[in-house]
Amino acid sequence: MTRKNLKAARIEKGMTQQQVADKIGISLVHYQKIEEGSRTGSFYIWDNLEDLFSIHQRKLRELL
């Protein structure tokens, strides 16, 4: 199961996983695991992702 909404938001914004990780201050591997659904991530991370993509974190967090 992956977080397809998170991945789609990143692609829509034209960003690589590394760029997102750098922007929110985490490692690439940590971000990759969040996007693939094997890590949950902290409230701080989700708040930053919500701000970055302008999509509610509830939608970004969905595992599909």
Protein backbone atom coordinates (compact mmCIF):
# COMPACT_ATOMS: atom_id res chain seq x y z
CA MET A 1 0.00 0.00 0.00
CA THR A 2 1.30 3.41 -0.88
CA ARG A 3 0.30 6.99 -0.28
CA LYS A 4 -0.76 7.68 -3.86
CA ASN A 5 -2.21 11.11 -3.01
CA LEU A 6 1.10 12.20 -1.49
CA LYS A 7 3.05 10.96 -4.49
CA ALA A 8 0.59 12.59 -6.92
CA ALA A 9 0.83 15.91 -5.05
CA ARG A 10 4.63 15.78 -5.23
CA ILE A 11 4.60 15.02 -8.96
CA GLU A 12 1.97 17.70 -9.60
CA LYS A 13 4.25 20.20 -7.88
CA GLY A 14 7.14 19.05 -10.11
CA MET A 15 9.30 18.01 -7.18
CA THR A 16 11.58 15.05 -6.63
CA GLN A 17 11.51 13.05 -3.41
CA GLN A 18 14.87 14.62 -2.52
CA GLN A 19 13.52 18.14 -2.99
CA VAL A 20 10.55 17.41 -0.72
CA ALA A 21 12.80 15.84 1.92
CA ASP A 22 15.13 18.86 1.81
CA LYS A 23 12.22 21.31 1.99
CA ILE A 24 10.73 19.71 5.11
CA GLY A 25 14.08 18.91 6.74
CA ILE A 26 14.21 15.11 6.74
CA SER A 27 16.37 12.52 4.99
CA LEU A 28 15.50 11.16 1.56
CA VAL A 29 15.09 7.63 2.95
CA HIS A 30 12.73 8.86 5.67
CA TYR A 31 10.57 10.66 3.09
CA GLN A 32 10.59 7.65 0.75
CA LYS A 33 9.32 5.43 3.57
CA ILE A 34 6.55 7.92 4.37
CA GLU A 35 5.51 8.06 0.72
CA GLU A 36 5.55 4.27 0.37
CA GLY A 37 3.50 3.92 3.56
CA SER A 38 5.97 2.02 5.72
CA ARG A 39 6.52 4.99 8.11
CA THR A 40 3.93 7.29 9.56
CA GLY A 41 5.89 10.50 10.13
CA SER A 42 5.40 13.08 12.88
CA PHE A 43 2.76 15.79 13.10
CA TYR A 44 5.52 18.28 12.26
CA ILE A 45 6.24 16.48 8.97
CA TRP A 46 2.56 16.22 8.00
CA ASP A 47 1.95 19.89 8.85
CA ASN A 48 4.84 20.82 6.56
CA LEU A 49 3.63 18.55 3.76
CA GLU A 50 0.15 20.02 4.06
CA ASP A 51 1.59 23.54 3.75
CA LEU A 52 3.90 22.56 0.89
CA PHE A 53 1.20 20.92 -1.24
CA SER A 54 -1.85 22.91 -0.05
CA ILE A 55 -3.73 19.65 0.49
CA HIS A 56 -5.17 18.57 3.83
CA GLN A 57 -2.90 16.04 5.51
CA ARG A 58 -5.81 13.64 6.01
CA LYS A 59 -5.95 13.31 2.22
CA LEU A 60 -2.16 13.03 1.89
CA ARG A 61 -1.97 10.33 4.59
CA GLU A 62 -4.43 7.96 2.88
CA LEU A 63 -2.99 4.54 2.10
CA LEU A 64 -4.40 3.28 -1.19
